[in-house]
């Protein structure tokens, strides 16, 4: 059994490297996973890469299998899909999703992996964590039949939320983004698209995921009387200013936060993290989600790729990392 591995570490803000690591021998109730793919969550991971996690959020931002501490050195990531090479008989050889950083092999408790349904390709399953966030957002938002909805921000989270909202009966869903190229992604997901200045107003619900002050202000402008903004953006150490002295009170508007760290209290009683992730993986049987994967590179190239993602040189949404068999 090969118990050596390589992992991507952020050595210092803006500088990453691959490190050799020694794995523990898997014990009872543990699995050894060989990675097939991992995904770079552009918003959160590029913020981490730049060293932008506020000190007050160091504990809250820890990933489940993170090593090291913010700002660096740190091993960070949470979108890994692999094959179980050693473990309980019911998992041996199965393709699984795990909230693990970028590493070609790893040992984790069997309870930390979720079997990928046969209907979901392994390369698409890296989106499970993103779609799980969108599922939680919809539980928080509780859209109703016939709602007029805008999703402001066409990144991974916004597009995932728009795709799920579009499957609700009778709703009007429009994806709003400043980048006109997002129109093609919207078409692939089956939703309408508009630039911010052309967006349809009088919305009952706006899901905001642009992580910009301008996006949040525009979200408030799009609301109908007593409408609600579900705030999904993570701003890191940035502050935002809002026009709460204008129509905010007279129109009885609401801004409500949503984040994946806890299961929405609006979900059915007793729903667990595992339930939510299982729902997300089942939803990924839909081929339209492939539109969210905008690039791919080899694991060995990750130290060169992440700076380009963080700087914006590499565009798109989810960047997929490919692991080759050793």
Protein backbone atom coordinates (compact mmCIF):
# COMPACT_ATOMS: atom_id res chain seq x y z
CA UNK A 1 0.00 0.00 0.00
CA UNK A 2 1.45 3.36 -1.07
CA UNK A 3 1.25 5.73 1.91
CA UNK A 4 2.97 8.73 0.36
CA UNK A 5 1.14 11.65 -1.22
CA UNK A 6 1.59 15.16 -2.58
CA UNK A 7 -0.45 18.13 -1.42
CA UNK A 8 -0.83 21.75 -2.49
CA UNK A 9 0.13 24.24 0.23
CA UNK A 10 -0.11 28.00 0.31
CA UNK A 11 3.45 28.83 1.44
CA UNK A 12 2.75 32.57 1.79
CA UNK A 13 0.03 34.82 0.36
CA UNK A 14 0.30 34.61 -3.42
CA UNK A 15 2.77 31.71 -3.44
CA UNK A 16 1.87 28.00 -3.50
CA UNK A 17 3.84 24.78 -3.75
CA UNK A 18 3.45 20.99 -3.83
CA UNK A 19 4.71 19.16 -0.77
CA UNK A 20 5.34 15.48 -0.16
CA UNK A 21 3.36 14.10 2.80
CA UNK A 22 3.33 10.78 4.64
CA UNK A 23 -0.08 9.21 5.19
CA UNK A 24 -1.13 7.19 8.23
CA UNK A 25 -2.09 3.60 7.62
CA UNK A 26 -5.89 3.51 7.41
CA UNK A 27 -7.50 1.93 10.44
CA UNK A 28 -10.93 0.48 11.09
CA UNK A 29 -13.62 2.82 9.81
CA UNK A 30 -11.20 4.78 7.60
CA UNK A 31 -10.66 4.93 3.85
CA UNK A 32 -7.68 5.60 1.61
CA UNK A 33 -8.81 7.70 -1.35
CA UNK A 34 -6.92 8.28 -4.60
CA UNK A 35 -7.96 11.63 -6.02
CA UNK A 36 -9.37 11.79 -9.54
CA UNK A 37 -10.38 15.47 -9.62
CA UNK A 38 -10.57 18.48 -7.36
CA UNK A 39 -12.12 21.85 -7.93
CA UNK A 40 -10.90 25.37 -7.20
CA UNK A 41 -13.74 27.40 -5.76
CA UNK A 42 -12.74 30.71 -7.32
CA UNK A 43 -14.28 33.14 -4.84
CA UNK A 44 -13.20 31.60 -1.53
CA UNK A 45 -9.98 29.94 -2.60
CA UNK A 46 -8.56 32.92 -4.47
CA UNK A 47 -9.39 35.08 -1.42
CA UNK A 48 -7.45 32.60 0.73
CA UNK A 49 -4.63 32.56 -1.82
CA UNK A 50 -4.32 36.34 -1.64
CA UNK A 51 -4.27 36.25 2.17
CA UNK A 52 -7.60 38.08 2.46
CA UNK A 53 -9.28 36.10 5.27
CA UNK A 54 -9.94 38.54 8.15
CA UNK A 55 -8.38 37.54 11.46
CA UNK A 56 -11.82 37.58 13.07
CA UNK A 57 -12.93 34.85 10.64
CA UNK A 58 -9.93 32.52 10.85
CA UNK A 59 -11.83 29.95 12.90
CA UNK A 60 -15.10 30.22 10.96
CA UNK A 61 -13.32 29.84 7.61
CA UNK A 62 -11.44 26.64 8.46
CA UNK A 63 -12.10 23.84 5.98
CA UNK A 64 -12.89 20.38 7.43
CA UNK A 65 -9.44 18.88 6.65
CA UNK A 66 -7.40 22.06 6.59
CA UNK A 67 -3.84 21.98 7.91
CA UNK A 68 -1.98 25.08 9.02
CA UNK A 69 -3.51 28.46 9.77
CA UNK A 70 -4.46 31.61 7.90
CA UNK A 71 -2.96 33.50 6.28
CA UNK A 72 -0.18 30.92 5.66
CA UNK A 73 1.28 28.38 5.49
CA UNK A 74 -1.99 26.53 5.00
CA UNK A 75 -3.40 23.56 3.09
CA UNK A 76 -6.87 24.60 2.01
CA UNK A 77 -9.64 23.28 -0.26
CA UNK A 78 -12.87 21.31 -0.08
CA UNK A 79 -13.91 19.94 -3.50
CA UNK A 80 -12.29 16.53 -4.01
CA UNK A 81 -13.54 13.48 -5.91
CA UNK A 82 -11.65 10.20 -5.81
CA UNK A 83 -11.77 6.44 -5.72
CA UNK A 84 -11.57 4.40 -2.53
CA UNK A 85 -8.49 2.17 -2.67
CA UNK A 86 -8.73 0.77 0.87
CA UNK A 87 -11.58 0.67 3.34
CA UNK A 88 -14.89 -1.02 4.15
CA UNK A 89 -16.11 -3.48 1.53
CA UNK A 90 -19.17 -1.38 0.67
CA UNK A 91 -16.91 1.57 -0.29
CA UNK A 92 -13.99 -0.21 -1.91
CA UNK A 93 -13.63 0.88 -5.52
CA UNK A 94 -16.45 3.43 -5.27
CA UNK A 95 -16.19 7.00 -6.50
CA UNK A 96 -16.67 9.40 -3.60
CA UNK A 97 -16.84 13.11 -2.84
CA UNK A 98 -14.94 14.55 0.13
CA UNK A 99 -14.40 18.03 1.59
CA UNK A 100 -10.64 17.61 1.28
CA UNK A 101 -7.90 19.98 0.02
CA UNK A 102 -5.93 19.47 -3.20
CA UNK A 103 -3.99 16.25 -2.56
CA UNK A 104 -3.49 13.16 -4.69
CA UNK A 105 -4.10 10.61 -1.89
CA UNK A 106 -5.57 10.96 1.58
CA UNK A 107 -6.88 8.98 4.55
CA UNK A 108 -10.12 10.10 6.18
CA UNK A 109 -12.92 8.54 8.25
CA UNK A 110 -15.35 6.61 6.07
CA UNK A 111 -18.08 8.91 7.37
CA UNK A 112 -16.33 11.85 5.68
CA UNK A 113 -16.93 10.57 2.14
CA UNK A 114 -20.16 10.48 0.17
CA UNK A 115 -20.68 8.00 -2.65
CA UNK A 116 -21.20 9.72 -6.00
CA UNK A 117 -24.35 8.39 -7.72
CA UNK A 118 -23.76 6.37 -10.90
CA UNK A 119 -25.74 9.02 -12.79
CA UNK A 120 -23.14 11.71 -11.99
CA UNK A 121 -19.76 11.75 -13.82
CA UNK A 122 -16.78 12.03 -11.48
CA UNK A 123 -15.58 15.17 -13.25
CA UNK A 124 -18.88 16.93 -12.56
CA UNK A 125 -19.12 15.76 -8.95
CA UNK A 126 -16.52 18.35 -7.88
CA UNK A 127 -19.44 20.82 -7.98
CA UNK A 128 -21.14 19.06 -5.06
CA UNK A 129 -19.94 21.58 -2.49
CA UNK A 130 -21.09 24.49 -4.65
CA UNK A 131 -24.51 23.02 -5.36
CA UNK A 132 -24.82 22.16 -1.66
CA UNK A 133 -24.39 25.87 -0.89
CA UNK A 134 -27.12 26.66 -3.42
CA UNK A 135 -29.43 24.04 -1.87
CA UNK A 136 -28.96 25.67 1.54
CA UNK A 137 -29.66 29.09 0.00
CA UNK A 138 -32.94 27.85 -1.45
CA UNK A 139 -33.91 26.39 1.90
CA UNK A 140 -33.21 29.83 3.40
CA UNK A 141 -35.02 31.67 0.61
CA UNK A 142 -38.11 29.41 0.56
CA UNK A 143 -39.28 30.53 -2.91
CA UNK A 144 -43.00 30.27 -3.62
CA UNK A 145 -44.92 29.33 -6.77
CA UNK A 146 -45.08 32.34 -9.08
CA UNK A 147 -42.28 34.35 -7.42
CA UNK A 148 -40.37 36.92 -9.45
CA UNK A 149 -36.70 36.20 -8.75
CA UNK A 150 -33.33 37.65 -9.71
CA UNK A 151 -29.94 36.12 -9.03
CA UNK A 152 -27.32 38.87 -9.01
CA UNK A 153 -23.82 37.53 -9.61
CA UNK A 154 -23.09 34.84 -12.18
CA UNK A 155 -20.27 32.98 -10.46
CA UNK A 156 -20.36 29.34 -9.34
CA UNK A 157 -22.77 29.92 -6.46
CA UNK A 158 -25.06 32.32 -8.30
CA UNK A 159 -25.32 30.12 -11.38
CA UNK A 160 -26.00 27.04 -9.24
CA UNK A 161 -28.75 28.87 -7.37
CA UNK A 162 -30.28 30.15 -10.63
CA UNK A 163 -30.28 26.65 -12.13
CA UNK A 164 -32.11 25.22 -9.11
CA UNK A 165 -34.57 28.13 -8.87
CA UNK A 166 -35.48 27.75 -12.55
CA UNK A 167 -36.84 24.29 -11.74
CA UNK A 168 -39.45 25.68 -9.34
CA UNK A 169 -42.96 25.84 -10.82
CA UNK A 170 -44.23 29.12 -12.19
CA UNK A 171 -41.29 31.32 -11.17
CA UNK A 172 -39.61 34.03 -13.24
CA UNK A 173 -35.84 33.71 -12.85
CA UNK A 174 -33.26 36.05 -14.30
CA UNK A 175 -29.49 35.81 -13.87
CA UNK A 176 -27.93 39.28 -13.60
CA UNK A 177 -24.22 39.88 -14.17
CA UNK A 178 -21.97 42.67 -15.46
CA UNK A 179 -20.14 40.24 -17.77
CA UNK A 180 -22.12 39.74 -21.01
CA UNK A 181 -20.34 36.41 -21.54
CA UNK A 182 -22.42 35.00 -18.67
CA UNK A 183 -25.39 35.05 -21.06
CA UNK A 184 -24.09 31.86 -22.67
CA UNK A 185 -23.83 30.15 -19.29
CA UNK A 186 -27.37 31.26 -18.42
CA UNK A 187 -28.69 29.74 -21.66
CA UNK A 188 -26.96 26.45 -20.88
CA UNK A 189 -28.61 26.44 -17.43
CA UNK A 190 -32.03 27.28 -18.84
CA UNK A 191 -32.44 30.76 -17.29
CA UNK A 192 -32.90 34.29 -18.63
CA UNK A 193 -29.99 36.75 -18.52
CA UNK A 194 -29.64 40.50 -18.14
CA UNK A 195 -26.93 43.08 -17.56
CA UNK A 196 -27.47 45.01 -14.30
CA UNK A 197 -29.02 48.03 -16.01
CA UNK A 198 -31.50 45.89 -17.95
CA UNK A 199 -32.62 43.59 -15.11
CA UNK A 200 -36.33 43.11 -14.43
CA UNK A 201 -37.50 44.76 -11.22
CA UNK A 202 -40.39 44.22 -8.80
CA UNK A 203 -38.78 41.02 -7.58
CA UNK A 204 -40.19 39.15 -4.62
CA UNK A 205 -36.79 37.58 -4.02
CA UNK A 206 -33.23 38.42 -5.01
CA UNK A 207 -30.33 36.05 -4.38
CA UNK A 208 -27.11 38.08 -4.24
CA UNK A 209 -23.81 36.34 -4.97
CA UNK A 210 -21.61 38.91 -6.72
CA UNK A 211 -19.51 39.78 -3.62
CA UNK A 212 -19.56 43.44 -4.68
CA UNK A 213 -21.09 46.52 -3.09
CA UNK A 214 -22.60 47.49 -6.44
CA UNK A 215 -24.26 44.11 -6.76
CA UNK A 216 -25.86 44.30 -3.33
CA UNK A 217 -27.12 47.86 -3.96
CA UNK A 218 -28.60 46.75 -7.29
CA UNK A 219 -30.22 43.76 -5.56
CA UNK A 220 -32.07 46.13 -3.20
CA UNK A 221 -33.18 48.26 -6.15
CA UNK A 222 -34.72 45.23 -7.87
CA UNK A 223 -37.00 44.32 -4.95
CA UNK A 224 -40.76 44.75 -4.86
CA UNK A 225 -42.54 45.96 -1.72
CA UNK A 226 -41.57 43.72 1.22
CA UNK A 227 -39.09 41.83 -0.94
CA UNK A 228 -36.09 39.93 0.40
CA UNK A 229 -32.42 39.75 -0.54
CA UNK A 230 -30.71 36.48 0.36
CA UNK A 231 -27.05 37.45 0.81
CA UNK A 232 -24.68 34.67 -0.22
CA UNK A 233 -21.57 36.76 -0.84
CA UNK A 234 -18.43 36.44 1.23
CA UNK A 235 -16.60 39.79 1.39
CA UNK A 236 -13.57 38.71 3.39
CA UNK A 237 -11.95 41.79 4.91
CA UNK A 238 -13.84 44.30 2.71
CA UNK A 239 -16.58 46.65 3.97
CA UNK A 240 -19.68 47.59 1.97
CA UNK A 241 -21.89 50.69 2.11
CA UNK A 242 -25.65 50.44 1.50
CA UNK A 243 -28.37 53.07 0.88
CA UNK A 244 -30.49 52.12 3.88
CA UNK A 245 -31.75 55.70 4.20
CA UNK A 246 -33.65 55.67 0.90
CA UNK A 247 -36.57 53.29 0.23
CA UNK A 248 -35.28 50.52 2.50
CA UNK A 249 -37.67 51.21 5.39
CA UNK A 250 -40.67 52.59 3.50
CA UNK A 251 -40.71 49.51 1.23
CA UNK A 252 -40.09 47.19 4.21
CA UNK A 253 -37.19 45.41 2.53
CA UNK A 254 -35.21 42.56 4.11
CA UNK A 255 -31.58 41.42 3.79
CA UNK A 256 -31.04 37.92 5.17
CA UNK A 257 -27.70 36.11 5.27
CA UNK A 258 -27.20 32.54 4.10
CA UNK A 259 -24.07 30.43 4.35
CA UNK A 260 -23.23 26.76 4.10
CA UNK A 261 -21.61 26.40 7.55
CA UNK A 262 -24.92 25.43 9.14
CA UNK A 263 -27.95 23.62 7.76
CA UNK A 264 -30.70 26.15 7.15
CA UNK A 265 -33.19 26.24 10.04
CA UNK A 266 -35.89 26.56 7.36
CA UNK A 267 -35.11 23.06 6.07
CA UNK A 268 -37.30 20.20 7.18
CA UNK A 269 -36.65 19.25 10.78
CA UNK A 270 -33.87 16.75 11.23
CA UNK A 271 -32.03 17.44 7.96
CA UNK A 272 -28.27 16.89 8.41
CA UNK A 273 -25.15 17.97 6.56
CA UNK A 274 -25.02 14.50 5.00
CA UNK A 275 -28.63 14.81 3.81
CA UNK A 276 -27.89 18.18 2.21
CA UNK A 277 -24.79 16.90 0.40
CA UNK A 278 -26.66 13.82 -0.83
CA UNK A 279 -29.36 16.09 -2.29
CA UNK A 280 -26.70 18.17 -4.06
CA UNK A 281 -25.07 15.10 -5.60
CA UNK A 282 -28.41 13.79 -6.86
CA UNK A 283 -29.11 17.16 -8.50
CA UNK A 284 -25.78 16.97 -10.34
CA UNK A 285 -27.20 14.27 -12.61
CA UNK A 286 -28.33 17.25 -14.73
CA UNK A 287 -25.76 17.73 -17.58
CA UNK A 288 -26.43 21.50 -17.66
CA UNK A 289 -24.14 21.91 -14.64
CA UNK A 290 -21.15 21.16 -16.89
CA UNK A 291 -21.44 24.82 -17.96
CA UNK A 292 -19.97 25.81 -14.57
CA UNK A 293 -16.65 24.03 -15.25
CA UNK A 294 -14.65 26.51 -17.26
CA UNK A 295 -11.11 25.16 -17.30
CA UNK A 296 -8.90 22.23 -16.40
CA UNK A 297 -5.25 21.72 -15.56
CA UNK A 298 -2.99 19.03 -14.13
CA UNK A 299 -2.41 18.87 -10.37
CA UNK A 300 1.31 19.40 -10.97
CA UNK A 301 0.54 22.80 -12.53
CA UNK A 302 -1.54 24.11 -9.61
CA UNK A 303 1.24 26.33 -8.13
CA UNK A 304 1.32 28.20 -11.47
CA UNK A 305 -2.43 28.13 -12.10
CA UNK A 306 -3.72 29.56 -8.81
CA UNK A 307 -1.89 32.91 -9.16
CA UNK A 308 -3.46 33.28 -12.62
CA UNK A 309 -6.90 32.51 -11.22
CA UNK A 310 -6.41 34.96 -8.36
CA UNK A 311 -5.26 37.75 -10.70
CA UNK A 312 -8.13 37.19 -13.13
CA UNK A 313 -5.83 36.18 -15.98
CA UNK A 314 -7.72 32.87 -16.13
CA UNK A 315 -11.43 33.64 -16.42
CA UNK A 316 -14.45 31.49 -15.74
CA UNK A 317 -15.93 29.79 -12.72
CA UNK A 318 -14.92 26.38 -11.40
CA UNK A 319 -11.42 25.31 -12.41
CA UNK A 320 -11.02 21.54 -12.43
CA UNK A 321 -7.78 19.91 -11.33
CA UNK A 322 -6.93 16.55 -12.92
CA UNK A 323 -4.91 13.88 -11.07
CA UNK A 324 -3.11 11.19 -13.06
CA UNK A 325 -2.52 7.68 -11.72
CA UNK A 326 0.99 7.33 -10.29
